[in-house]
């Protein structure tokens, strides 16, 4: 028996960017980073993401899924995400921001970087 399960994903980042402006939006991403990070290391680590995934309602995440999430954004290869890597990853994962030259448009319009 084949299951026909559709996941409906709604990307709220473009509307958040529109209402908050680029600086406000980046500030909210940074708040999200701080929520997930290991306070002692100042990074999102495997342990901090695993611990905080419960708070996000993702208590069924397997270790390999957490490792995959970290490796997706880990640009420097240290096995953890710093704030810049986290923000870049969040922007990359937003289909609405990636459409029609999204990040470049917002950076130019709001003079962010």
PDB file of N, CA and C in Angstrom:
ATOM      1  N   UNK A   1       0.839  -1.179   0.000  1.00  0.00           N
ATOM      2  CA  UNK A   1       0.000   0.000   0.000  1.00  0.00           C
ATOM      3  C   UNK A   1       0.886   1.244   0.000  1.00  0.00           C
ATOM      4  N   UNK A   2       0.644   2.114  -0.921  1.00  0.00           N
ATOM      5  CA  UNK A   2       1.427   3.343  -1.047  1.00  0.00           C
ATOM      6  C   UNK A   2       0.706   4.483  -0.328  1.00  0.00           C
ATOM      7  N   UNK A   3       1.466   5.201   0.473  1.00  0.00           N
ATOM      8  CA  UNK A   3       0.907   6.346   1.181  1.00  0.00           C
ATOM      9  C   UNK A   3       1.129   7.606   0.373  1.00  0.00           C
ATOM     10  N   UNK A   4       0.109   8.404   0.257  1.00  0.00           N
ATOM     11  CA  UNK A   4       0.218   9.677  -0.443  1.00  0.00           C
ATOM     12  C   UNK A   4       0.202  10.784   0.604  1.00  0.00           C
ATOM     13  N   UNK A   5       1.384  11.094   1.111  1.00  0.00           N
ATOM     14  CA  UNK A   5       1.506  12.104   2.158  1.00  0.00           C
ATOM     15  C   UNK A   5       2.162  13.339   1.559  1.00  0.00           C
ATOM     16  N   UNK A   6       1.458  14.427   1.593  1.00  0.00           N
ATOM     17  CA  UNK A   6       1.989  15.693   1.081  1.00  0.00           C
ATOM     18  C   UNK A   6       2.324  16.587   2.263  1.00  0.00           C
ATOM     19  N   UNK A   7       3.482  17.170   2.197  1.00  0.00           N
ATOM     20  CA  UNK A   7       3.899  18.113   3.220  1.00  0.00           C
ATOM     21  C   UNK A   7       3.774  19.504   2.626  1.00  0.00           C
ATOM     22  N   UNK A   8       2.986  20.323   3.274  1.00  0.00           N
ATOM     23  CA  UNK A   8       2.784  21.689   2.800  1.00  0.00           C
ATOM     24  C   UNK A   8       3.698  22.608   3.595  1.00  0.00           C
ATOM     25  N   UNK A   9       4.688  23.165   2.940  1.00  0.00           N
ATOM     26  CA  UNK A   9       5.661  24.039   3.580  1.00  0.00           C
ATOM     27  C   UNK A   9       5.368  25.476   3.195  1.00  0.00           C
ATOM     28  N   UNK A  10       5.194  26.307   4.197  1.00  0.00           N
ATOM     29  CA  UNK A  10       4.990  27.723   3.929  1.00  0.00           C
ATOM     30  C   UNK A  10       6.200  28.487   4.439  1.00  0.00           C
ATOM     31  N   UNK A  11       6.846  29.184   3.552  1.00  0.00           N
ATOM     32  CA  UNK A  11       8.052  29.942   3.861  1.00  0.00           C
ATOM     33  C   UNK A  11       7.659  31.348   4.309  1.00  0.00           C
ATOM     34  N   UNK A  12       7.845  31.619   5.589  1.00  0.00           N
ATOM     35  CA  UNK A  12       7.474  32.923   6.143  1.00  0.00           C
ATOM     36  C   UNK A  12       8.616  33.948   6.076  1.00  0.00           C
ATOM     37  N   UNK A  13       9.801  33.517   5.693  1.00  0.00           N
ATOM     38  CA  UNK A  13      10.935  34.441   5.688  1.00  0.00           C
ATOM     39  C   UNK A  13      10.723  35.666   4.799  1.00  0.00           C
ATOM     40  N   UNK A  14      10.195  35.526   3.571  1.00  0.00           N
ATOM     41  CA  UNK A  14      10.007  36.739   2.755  1.00  0.00           C
ATOM     42  C   UNK A  14       9.082  37.766   3.415  1.00  0.00           C
ATOM     43  N   UNK A  15       7.988  37.310   4.016  1.00  0.00           N
ATOM     44  CA  UNK A  15       7.095  38.270   4.671  1.00  0.00           C
ATOM     45  C   UNK A  15       7.723  38.851   5.925  1.00  0.00           C
ATOM     46  N   UNK A  16       8.530  38.060   6.623  1.00  0.00           N
ATOM     47  CA  UNK A  16       9.252  38.587   7.788  1.00  0.00           C
ATOM     48  C   UNK A  16      10.252  39.654   7.348  1.00  0.00           C
ATOM     49  N   UNK A  17      10.960  39.378   6.253  1.00  0.00           N
ATOM     50  CA  UNK A  17      11.934  40.331   5.725  1.00  0.00           C
ATOM     51  C   UNK A  17      11.227  41.626   5.324  1.00  0.00           C
ATOM     52  N   UNK A  18      10.063  41.481   4.706  1.00  0.00           N
ATOM     53  CA  UNK A  18       9.298  42.642   4.264  1.00  0.00           C
ATOM     54  C   UNK A  18       8.853  43.494   5.453  1.00  0.00           C
ATOM     55  N   UNK A  19       8.341  42.852   6.498  1.00  0.00           N
ATOM     56  CA  UNK A  19       7.809  43.620   7.625  1.00  0.00           C
ATOM     57  C   UNK A  19       8.887  44.106   8.590  1.00  0.00           C
ATOM     58  N   UNK A  20       9.951  43.344   8.770  1.00  0.00           N
ATOM     59  CA  UNK A  20      10.997  43.722   9.733  1.00  0.00           C
ATOM     60  C   UNK A  20      12.123  44.530   9.099  1.00  0.00           C
ATOM     61  N   UNK A  21      12.259  44.454   7.795  1.00  0.00           N
ATOM     62  CA  UNK A  21      13.417  45.026   7.133  1.00  0.00           C
ATOM     63  C   UNK A  21      14.588  44.063   7.277  1.00  0.00           C
ATOM     64  N   UNK A  22      15.611  44.270   6.506  1.00  0.00           N
ATOM     65  CA  UNK A  22      16.752  43.350   6.494  1.00  0.00           C
ATOM     66  C   UNK A  22      17.443  43.282   7.850  1.00  0.00           C
ATOM     67  N   UNK A  23      17.684  44.427   8.474  1.00  0.00           N
ATOM     68  CA  UNK A  23      18.383  44.421   9.760  1.00  0.00           C
ATOM     69  C   UNK A  23      17.553  43.745  10.843  1.00  0.00           C
ATOM     70  N   UNK A  24      16.260  44.023  10.888  1.00  0.00           N
ATOM     71  CA  UNK A  24      15.389  43.392  11.874  1.00  0.00           C
ATOM     72  C   UNK A  24      15.291  41.897  11.667  1.00  0.00           C
ATOM     73  N   UNK A  25      15.252  41.480  10.390  1.00  0.00           N
ATOM     74  CA  UNK A  25      15.174  40.066  10.062  1.00  0.00           C
ATOM     75  C   UNK A  25      16.442  39.345  10.501  1.00  0.00           C
ATOM     76  N   UNK A  26      17.591  39.913  10.188  1.00  0.00           N
ATOM     77  CA  UNK A  26      18.860  39.309  10.613  1.00  0.00           C
ATOM     78  C   UNK A  26      18.919  39.253  12.138  1.00  0.00           C
ATOM     79  N   UNK A  27      18.406  40.288  12.803  1.00  0.00           N
ATOM     80  CA  UNK A  27      18.352  40.276  14.269  1.00  0.00           C
ATOM     81  C   UNK A  27      17.534  39.106  14.786  1.00  0.00           C
ATOM     82  N   UNK A  28      16.420  38.803  14.127  1.00  0.00           N
ATOM     83  CA  UNK A  28      15.594  37.663  14.533  1.00  0.00           C
ATOM     84  C   UNK A  28      16.314  36.342  14.275  1.00  0.00           C
ATOM     85  N   UNK A  29      17.048  36.246  13.171  1.00  0.00           N
ATOM     86  CA  UNK A  29      17.843  35.038  12.931  1.00  0.00           C
ATOM     87  C   UNK A  29      18.882  34.863  14.032  1.00  0.00           C
ATOM     88  N   UNK A  30      19.498  35.966  14.445  1.00  0.00           N
ATOM     89  CA  UNK A  30      20.492  35.905  15.519  1.00  0.00           C
ATOM     90  C   UNK A  30      19.852  35.480  16.839  1.00  0.00           C
ATOM     91  N   UNK A  31      18.616  35.914  17.090  1.00  0.00           N
ATOM     92  CA  UNK A  31      17.900  35.453  18.282  1.00  0.00           C
ATOM     93  C   UNK A  31      17.675  33.947  18.222  1.00  0.00           C
ATOM     94  N   UNK A  32      17.334  33.441  17.048  1.00  0.00           N
ATOM     95  CA  UNK A  32      17.174  32.003  16.864  1.00  0.00           C
ATOM     96  C   UNK A  32      18.474  31.258  17.104  1.00  0.00           C
ATOM     97  N   UNK A  33      19.566  31.835  16.637  1.00  0.00           N
ATOM     98  CA  UNK A  33      20.875  31.231  16.871  1.00  0.00           C
ATOM     99  C   UNK A  33      21.141  31.114  18.367  1.00  0.00           C
ATOM    100  N   UNK A  34      20.926  32.208  19.094  1.00  0.00           N
ATOM    101  CA  UNK A  34      21.186  32.206  20.542  1.00  0.00           C
ATOM    102  C   UNK A  34      20.308  31.196  21.274  1.00  0.00           C
ATOM    103  N   UNK A  35      19.102  30.986  20.771  1.00  0.00           N
ATOM    104  CA  UNK A  35      18.196  30.014  21.362  1.00  0.00           C
ATOM    105  C   UNK A  35      18.754  28.595  21.253  1.00  0.00           C
ATOM    106  N   UNK A  36      19.446  28.298  20.168  1.00  0.00           N
ATOM    107  CA  UNK A  36      19.938  26.948  19.899  1.00  0.00           C
ATOM    108  C   UNK A  36      21.385  26.711  20.307  1.00  0.00           C
ATOM    109  N   UNK A  37      22.117  27.757  20.614  1.00  0.00           N
ATOM    110  CA  UNK A  37      23.558  27.601  20.813  1.00  0.00           C
ATOM    111  C   UNK A  37      23.915  27.058  22.197  1.00  0.00           C
ATOM    112  N   UNK A  38      25.106  26.512  22.273  1.00  0.00           N
ATOM    113  CA  UNK A  38      25.741  26.131  23.524  1.00  0.00           C
ATOM    114  C   UNK A  38      26.327  27.413  24.100  1.00  0.00           C
ATOM    115  N   UNK A  39      25.825  27.850  25.228  1.00  0.00           N
ATOM    116  CA  UNK A  39      26.225  29.147  25.792  1.00  0.00           C
ATOM    117  C   UNK A  39      27.706  29.211  26.144  1.00  0.00           C
ATOM    118  N   UNK A  40      28.288  28.104  26.512  1.00  0.00           N
ATOM    119  CA  UNK A  40      29.710  28.095  26.870  1.00  0.00           C
ATOM    120  C   UNK A  40      30.607  28.242  25.644  1.00  0.00           C
ATOM    121  N   UNK A  41      30.219  27.617  24.547  1.00  0.00           N
ATOM    122  CA  UNK A  41      31.043  27.655  23.338  1.00  0.00           C
ATOM    123  C   UNK A  41      30.630  28.745  22.363  1.00  0.00           C
ATOM    124  N   UNK A  42      29.410  29.258  22.477  1.00  0.00           N
ATOM    125  CA  UNK A  42      28.930  30.274  21.546  1.00  0.00           C
ATOM    126  C   UNK A  42      28.685  29.724  20.149  1.00  0.00           C
ATOM    127  N   UNK A  43      28.399  28.422  20.062  1.00  0.00           N
ATOM    128  CA  UNK A  43      28.174  27.726  18.797  1.00  0.00           C
ATOM    129  C   UNK A  43      26.968  26.815  18.938  1.00  0.00           C
ATOM    130  N   UNK A  44      26.335  26.505  17.824  1.00  0.00           N
ATOM    131  CA  UNK A  44      25.336  25.446  17.831  1.00  0.00           C
ATOM    132  C   UNK A  44      26.102  24.151  17.618  1.00  0.00           C
ATOM    133  N   UNK A  45      26.095  23.324  18.639  1.00  0.00           N
ATOM    134  CA  UNK A  45      26.803  22.048  18.602  1.00  0.00           C
ATOM    135  C   UNK A  45      25.798  20.914  18.479  1.00  0.00           C
ATOM    136  N   UNK A  46      26.313  19.722  18.256  1.00  0.00           N
ATOM    137  CA  UNK A  46      25.448  18.545  18.223  1.00  0.00           C
ATOM    138  C   UNK A  46      24.633  18.465  19.509  1.00  0.00           C
ATOM    139  N   UNK A  47      25.320  18.604  20.635  1.00  0.00           N
ATOM    140  CA  UNK A  47      24.663  18.477  21.932  1.00  0.00           C
ATOM    141  C   UNK A  47      23.602  19.564  22.149  1.00  0.00           C
ATOM    142  N   UNK A  48      23.926  20.807  21.796  1.00  0.00           N
ATOM    143  CA  UNK A  48      22.953  21.884  22.021  1.00  0.00           C
ATOM    144  C   UNK A  48      21.750  21.749  21.098  1.00  0.00           C
ATOM    145  N   UNK A  49      21.980  21.311  19.865  1.00  0.00           N
ATOM    146  CA  UNK A  49      20.868  21.140  18.933  1.00  0.00           C
ATOM    147  C   UNK A  49      19.992  19.963  19.358  1.00  0.00           C
ATOM    148  N   UNK A  50      20.609  18.896  19.812  1.00  0.00           N
ATOM    149  CA  UNK A  50      19.851  17.739  20.280  1.00  0.00           C
ATOM    150  C   UNK A  50      19.001  18.123  21.487  1.00  0.00           C
ATOM    151  N   UNK A  51      19.595  18.831  22.438  1.00  0.00           N
ATOM    152  CA  UNK A  51      18.880  19.251  23.648  1.00  0.00           C
ATOM    153  C   UNK A  51      17.734  20.202  23.296  1.00  0.00           C
ATOM    154  N   UNK A  52      17.993  21.164  22.445  1.00  0.00           N
ATOM    155  CA  UNK A  52      17.001  22.179  22.122  1.00  0.00           C
ATOM    156  C   UNK A  52      15.982  21.730  21.080  1.00  0.00           C
ATOM    157  N   UNK A  53      16.251  20.630  20.387  1.00  0.00           N
ATOM    158  CA  UNK A  53      15.286  20.138  19.411  1.00  0.00           C
ATOM    159  C   UNK A  53      13.985  19.712  20.101  1.00  0.00           C
ATOM    160  N   UNK A  54      14.080  19.290  21.339  1.00  0.00           N
ATOM    161  CA  UNK A  54      12.883  18.931  22.097  1.00  0.00           C
ATOM    162  C   UNK A  54      12.002  20.161  22.271  1.00  0.00           C
ATOM    163  N   UNK A  55      12.626  21.285  22.582  1.00  0.00           N
ATOM    164  CA  UNK A  55      11.890  22.536  22.750  1.00  0.00           C
ATOM    165  C   UNK A  55      11.195  22.940  21.445  1.00  0.00           C
ATOM    166  N   UNK A  56      11.780  22.565  20.321  1.00  0.00           N
ATOM    167  CA  UNK A  56      11.221  22.903  19.016  1.00  0.00           C
ATOM    168  C   UNK A  56      10.163  21.903  18.551  1.00  0.00           C
ATOM    169  N   UNK A  57       9.902  20.910  19.387  1.00  0.00           N
ATOM    170  CA  UNK A  57       8.919  19.892  19.013  1.00  0.00           C
ATOM    171  C   UNK A  57       9.489  18.827  18.105  1.00  0.00           C
ATOM    172  N   UNK A  58      10.800  18.721  18.049  1.00  0.00           N
ATOM    173  CA  UNK A  58      11.468  17.752  17.178  1.00  0.00           C
ATOM    174  C   UNK A  58      12.117  16.645  18.006  1.00  0.00           C
ATOM    175  N   UNK A  59      11.436  16.175  19.026  1.00  0.00           N
ATOM    176  CA  UNK A  59      12.006  15.209  19.958  1.00  0.00           C
ATOM    177  C   UNK A  59      12.294  13.852  19.329  1.00  0.00           C
ATOM    178  N   UNK A  60      11.765  13.592  18.147  1.00  0.00           N
ATOM    179  CA  UNK A  60      11.994  12.305  17.483  1.00  0.00           C
ATOM    180  C   UNK A  60      13.175  12.336  16.514  1.00  0.00           C
ATOM    181  N   UNK A  61      13.930  13.413  16.516  1.00  0.00           N
ATOM    182  CA  UNK A  61      15.061  13.502  15.577  1.00  0.00           C
ATOM    183  C   UNK A  61      16.144  12.497  15.952  1.00  0.00           C
ATOM    184  N   UNK A  62      16.624  11.802  14.941  1.00  0.00           N
ATOM    185  CA  UNK A  62      17.723  10.858  15.151  1.00  0.00           C
ATOM    186  C   UNK A  62      19.047  11.604  15.138  1.00  0.00           C
ATOM    187  N   UNK A  63      20.051  11.018  15.737  1.00  0.00           N
ATOM    188  CA  UNK A  63      21.385  11.621  15.795  1.00  0.00           C
ATOM    189  C   UNK A  63      21.934  11.911  14.397  1.00  0.00           C
ATOM    190  N   UNK A  64      21.724  10.978  13.463  1.00  0.00           N
ATOM    191  CA  UNK A  64      22.244  11.195  12.113  1.00  0.00           C
ATOM    192  C   UNK A  64      21.552  12.375  11.425  1.00  0.00           C
ATOM    193  N   UNK A  65      20.292  12.638  11.752  1.00  0.00           N
ATOM    194  CA  UNK A  65      19.589  13.790  11.191  1.00  0.00           C
ATOM    195  C   UNK A  65      20.159  15.097  11.758  1.00  0.00           C
ATOM    196  N   UNK A  66      20.481  15.095  13.024  1.00  0.00           N
ATOM    197  CA  UNK A  66      21.080  16.282  13.650  1.00  0.00           C
ATOM    198  C   UNK A  66      22.452  16.549  13.048  1.00  0.00           C
ATOM    199  N   UNK A  67      23.240  15.504  12.871  1.00  0.00           N
ATOM    200  CA  UNK A  67      24.566  15.648  12.260  1.00  0.00           C
ATOM    201  C   UNK A  67      24.439  16.188  10.841  1.00  0.00           C
ATOM    202  N   UNK A  68      23.462  15.697  10.110  1.00  0.00           N
ATOM    203  CA  UNK A  68      23.233  16.167   8.734  1.00  0.00           C
ATOM    204  C   UNK A  68      22.859  17.652   8.726  1.00  0.00           C
ATOM    205  N   UNK A  69      22.012  18.068   9.653  1.00  0.00           N
ATOM    206  CA  UNK A  69      21.624  19.476   9.737  1.00  0.00           C
ATOM    207  C   UNK A  69      22.849  20.355   9.995  1.00  0.00           C
ATOM    208  N   UNK A  70      23.692  19.929  10.914  1.00  0.00           N
ATOM    209  CA  UNK A  70      24.893  20.708  11.226  1.00  0.00           C
ATOM    210  C   UNK A  70      25.840  20.761  10.030  1.00  0.00           C
ATOM    211  N   UNK A  71      26.040  19.613   9.383  1.00  0.00           N
ATOM    212  CA  UNK A  71      26.995  19.579   8.274  1.00  0.00           C
ATOM    213  C   UNK A  71      26.515  20.402   7.083  1.00  0.00           C
ATOM    214  N   UNK A  72      25.201  20.554   6.933  1.00  0.00           N
ATOM    215  CA  UNK A  72      24.641  21.350   5.835  1.00  0.00           C
ATOM    216  C   UNK A  72      25.120  22.802   5.885  1.00  0.00           C
ATOM    217  N   UNK A  73      25.297  23.330   7.095  1.00  0.00           N
ATOM    218  CA  UNK A  73      25.691  24.731   7.220  1.00  0.00           C
ATOM    219  C   UNK A  73      27.104  24.959   7.712  1.00  0.00           C
ATOM    220  N   UNK A  74      27.822  23.890   8.022  1.00  0.00           N
ATOM    221  CA  UNK A  74      29.160  24.007   8.604  1.00  0.00           C
ATOM    222  C   UNK A  74      30.196  24.333   7.529  1.00  0.00           C
ATOM    223  N   UNK A  75      30.454  25.610   7.349  1.00  0.00           N
ATOM    224  CA  UNK A  75      31.365  26.039   6.283  1.00  0.00           C
ATOM    225  C   UNK A  75      32.833  25.873   6.631  1.00  0.00           C
ATOM    226  N   UNK A  76      33.174  25.940   7.920  1.00  0.00           N
ATOM    227  CA  UNK A  76      34.584  25.851   8.300  1.00  0.00           C
ATOM    228  C   UNK A  76      35.006  24.452   8.746  1.00  0.00           C
ATOM    229  N   UNK A  77      34.071  23.492   8.746  1.00  0.00           N
ATOM    230  CA  UNK A  77      34.400  22.102   9.027  1.00  0.00           C
ATOM    231  C   UNK A  77      34.681  21.771  10.475  1.00  0.00           C
ATOM    232  N   UNK A  78      34.238  22.614  11.410  1.00  0.00           N
ATOM    233  CA  UNK A  78      34.509  22.334  12.821  1.00  0.00           C
ATOM    234  C   UNK A  78      33.419  21.506  13.487  1.00  0.00           C
ATOM    235  N   UNK A  79      32.389  21.127  12.748  1.00  0.00           N
ATOM    236  CA  UNK A  79      31.332  20.292  13.291  1.00  0.00           C
ATOM    237  C   UNK A  79      30.257  21.046  14.052  1.00  0.00           C
ATOM    238  N   UNK A  80      30.324  22.360  14.044  1.00  0.00           N
ATOM    239  CA  UNK A  80      29.353  23.197  14.746  1.00  0.00           C
ATOM    240  C   UNK A  80      29.025  24.400  13.864  1.00  0.00           C
ATOM    241  N   UNK A  81      27.985  25.151  14.244  1.00  0.00           N
ATOM    242  CA  UNK A  81      27.607  26.346  13.486  1.00  0.00           C
ATOM    243  C   UNK A  81      27.860  27.590  14.310  1.00  0.00           C
ATOM    244  N   UNK A  82      28.610  28.530  13.741  1.00  0.00           N
ATOM    245  CA  UNK A  82      28.706  29.839  14.374  1.00  0.00           C
ATOM    246  C   UNK A  82      27.530  30.679  13.872  1.00  0.00           C
ATOM    247  N   UNK A  83      27.422  31.884  14.366  1.00  0.00           N
ATOM    248  CA  UNK A  83      26.266  32.716  14.036  1.00  0.00           C
ATOM    249  C   UNK A  83      26.180  33.022  12.541  1.00  0.00           C
ATOM    250  N   UNK A  84      27.287  33.314  11.917  1.00  0.00           N
ATOM    251  CA  UNK A  84      27.285  33.620  10.480  1.00  0.00           C
ATOM    252  C   UNK A  84      26.867  32.398   9.677  1.00  0.00           C
ATOM    253  N   UNK A  85      27.418  31.231  10.007  1.00  0.00           N
ATOM    254  CA  UNK A  85      27.043  30.009   9.289  1.00  0.00           C
ATOM    255  C   UNK A  85      25.549  29.719   9.443  1.00  0.00           C
ATOM    256  N   UNK A  86      25.022  29.930  10.642  1.00  0.00           N
ATOM    257  CA  UNK A  86      23.603  29.697  10.890  1.00  0.00           C
ATOM    258  C   UNK A  86      22.746  30.634  10.039  1.00  0.00           C
ATOM    259  N   UNK A  87      23.081  31.909  10.022  1.00  0.00           N
ATOM    260  CA  UNK A  87      22.292  32.872   9.241  1.00  0.00           C
ATOM    261  C   UNK A  87      22.361  32.572   7.747  1.00  0.00           C
ATOM    262  N   UNK A  88      23.531  32.239   7.255  1.00  0.00           N
ATOM    263  CA  UNK A  88      23.678  31.882   5.839  1.00  0.00           C
ATOM    264  C   UNK A  88      22.832  30.657   5.522  1.00  0.00           C
ATOM    265  N   UNK A  89      22.874  29.656   6.391  1.00  0.00           N
ATOM    266  CA  UNK A  89      22.095  28.442   6.173  1.00  0.00           C
ATOM    267  C   UNK A  89      20.605  28.754   6.134  1.00  0.00           C
ATOM    268  N   UNK A  90      20.135  29.556   7.066  1.00  0.00           N
ATOM    269  CA  UNK A  90      18.706  29.892   7.098  1.00  0.00           C
ATOM    270  C   UNK A  90      18.283  30.627   5.824  1.00  0.00           C
ATOM    271  N   UNK A  91      19.121  31.525   5.343  1.00  0.00           N
ATOM    272  CA  UNK A  91      18.802  32.240   4.102  1.00  0.00           C
ATOM    273  C   UNK A  91      18.803  31.294   2.905  1.00  0.00           C
ATOM    274  N   UNK A  92      19.779  30.383   2.863  1.00  0.00           N
ATOM    275  CA  UNK A  92      19.862  29.430   1.756  1.00  0.00           C
ATOM    276  C   UNK A  92      18.666  28.491   1.715  1.00  0.00           C
ATOM    277  N   UNK A  93      18.124  28.159   2.883  1.00  0.00           N
ATOM    278  CA  UNK A  93      17.035  27.193   2.954  1.00  0.00           C
ATOM    279  C   UNK A  93      15.657  27.802   2.710  1.00  0.00           C
ATOM    280  N   UNK A  94      15.592  29.098   2.492  1.00  0.00           N
ATOM    281  CA  UNK A  94      14.314  29.752   2.247  1.00  0.00           C
ATOM    282  C   UNK A  94      14.061  29.848   0.752  1.00  0.00           C
ATOM    283  N   UNK A  95      13.138  29.028   0.232  1.00  0.00           N
ATOM    284  CA  UNK A  95      12.862  29.105  -1.203  1.00  0.00           C
ATOM    285  C   UNK A  95      12.363  30.482  -1.626  1.00  0.00           C
ATOM    286  N   UNK A  96      11.605  31.143  -0.776  1.00  0.00           N
ATOM    287  CA  UNK A  96      11.064  32.457  -1.117  1.00  0.00           C
ATOM    288  C   UNK A  96      12.119  33.525  -1.230  1.00  0.00           C
ATOM    289  N   UNK A  97      13.161  33.421  -0.418  1.00  0.00           N
ATOM    290  CA  UNK A  97      14.244  34.395  -0.509  1.00  0.00           C
ATOM    291  C   UNK A  97      15.188  34.077  -1.659  1.00  0.00           C
ATOM    292  N   UNK A  98      15.269  32.817  -2.029  1.00  0.00           N
ATOM    293  CA  UNK A  98      16.170  32.428  -3.109  1.00  0.00           C
ATOM    294  C   UNK A  98      15.563  32.675  -4.485  1.00  0.00           C
ATOM    295  N   UNK A  99      14.247  32.828  -4.569  1.00  0.00           N
ATOM    296  CA  UNK A  99      13.589  33.117  -5.846  1.00  0.00           C
ATOM    297  C   UNK A  99      13.892  34.537  -6.296  1.00  0.00           C
ATOM    298  N   UNK A 100      13.991  34.720  -7.564  1.00  0.00           N
ATOM    299  CA  UNK A 100      14.121  36.064  -8.153  1.00  0.00           C
ATOM    300  C   UNK A 100      15.253  36.896  -7.548  1.00  0.00           C
ATOM    301  N   UNK A 101      16.408  36.261  -7.362  1.00  0.00           N
ATOM    302  CA  UNK A 101      17.575  37.008  -6.868  1.00  0.00           C
ATOM    303  C   UNK A 101      17.341  37.567  -5.464  1.00  0.00           C
ATOM    304  N   UNK A 102      16.596  36.847  -4.629  1.00  0.00           N
ATOM    305  CA  UNK A 102      16.167  37.299  -3.312  1.00  0.00           C
ATOM    306  C   UNK A 102      17.222  37.915  -2.414  1.00  0.00           C
ATOM    307  N   UNK A 103      18.220  37.135  -1.924  1.00  0.00           N
ATOM    308  CA  UNK A 103      19.175  37.717  -0.986  1.00  0.00           C
ATOM    309  C   UNK A 103      19.905  38.922  -1.547  1.00  0.00           C
ATOM    310  N   UNK A 104      20.289  38.862  -2.801  1.00  0.00           N
ATOM    311  CA  UNK A 104      20.991  39.991  -3.405  1.00  0.00           C
ATOM    312  C   UNK A 104      20.108  41.227  -3.431  1.00  0.00           C
ATOM    313  N   UNK A 105      18.838  41.030  -3.777  1.00  0.00           N
ATOM    314  CA  UNK A 105      17.888  42.145  -3.812  1.00  0.00           C
ATOM    315  C   UNK A 105      17.776  42.793  -2.435  1.00  0.00           C
ATOM    316  N   UNK A 106      17.642  41.980  -1.377  1.00  0.00           N
ATOM    317  CA  UNK A 106      17.467  42.534  -0.034  1.00  0.00           C
ATOM    318  C   UNK A 106      18.738  43.210   0.453  1.00  0.00           C
ATOM    319  N   UNK A 107      19.882  42.609   0.148  1.00  0.00           N
ATOM    320  CA  UNK A 107      21.152  43.197   0.567  1.00  0.00           C
ATOM    321  C   UNK A 107      21.339  44.553  -0.084  1.00  0.00           C
ATOM    322  N   UNK A 108      21.051  44.649  -1.381  1.00  0.00           N
ATOM    323  CA  UNK A 108      21.208  45.919  -2.093  1.00  0.00           C
ATOM    324  C   UNK A 108      20.191  46.954  -1.609  1.00  0.00           C
ATOM    325  N   UNK A 109      18.947  46.526  -1.419  1.00  0.00           N
ATOM    326  CA  UNK A 109      17.885  47.446  -1.027  1.00  0.00           C
ATOM    327  C   UNK A 109      18.102  48.019   0.372  1.00  0.00           C
ATOM    328  N   UNK A 110      18.544  47.172   1.297  1.00  0.00           N
ATOM    329  CA  UNK A 110      18.684  47.609   2.685  1.00  0.00           C
ATOM    330  C   UNK A 110      20.125  47.876   3.080  1.00  0.00           C
ATOM    331  N   UNK A 111      21.057  47.736   2.134  1.00  0.00           N
ATOM    332  CA  UNK A 111      22.472  48.003   2.380  1.00  0.00           C
ATOM    333  C   UNK A 111      22.981  47.237   3.604  1.00  0.00           C
ATOM    334  N   UNK A 112      22.726  45.923   3.607  1.00  0.00           N
ATOM    335  CA  UNK A 112      23.157  45.055   4.704  1.00  0.00           C
ATOM    336  C   UNK A 112      24.449  44.363   4.320  1.00  0.00           C
ATOM    337  N   UNK A 113      25.309  44.135   5.220  1.00  0.00           N
ATOM    338  CA  UNK A 113      26.569  43.384   5.200  1.00  0.00           C
ATOM    339  C   UNK A 113      27.647  44.197   5.850  1.00  0.00           C
TER     340      UNK A 113
END
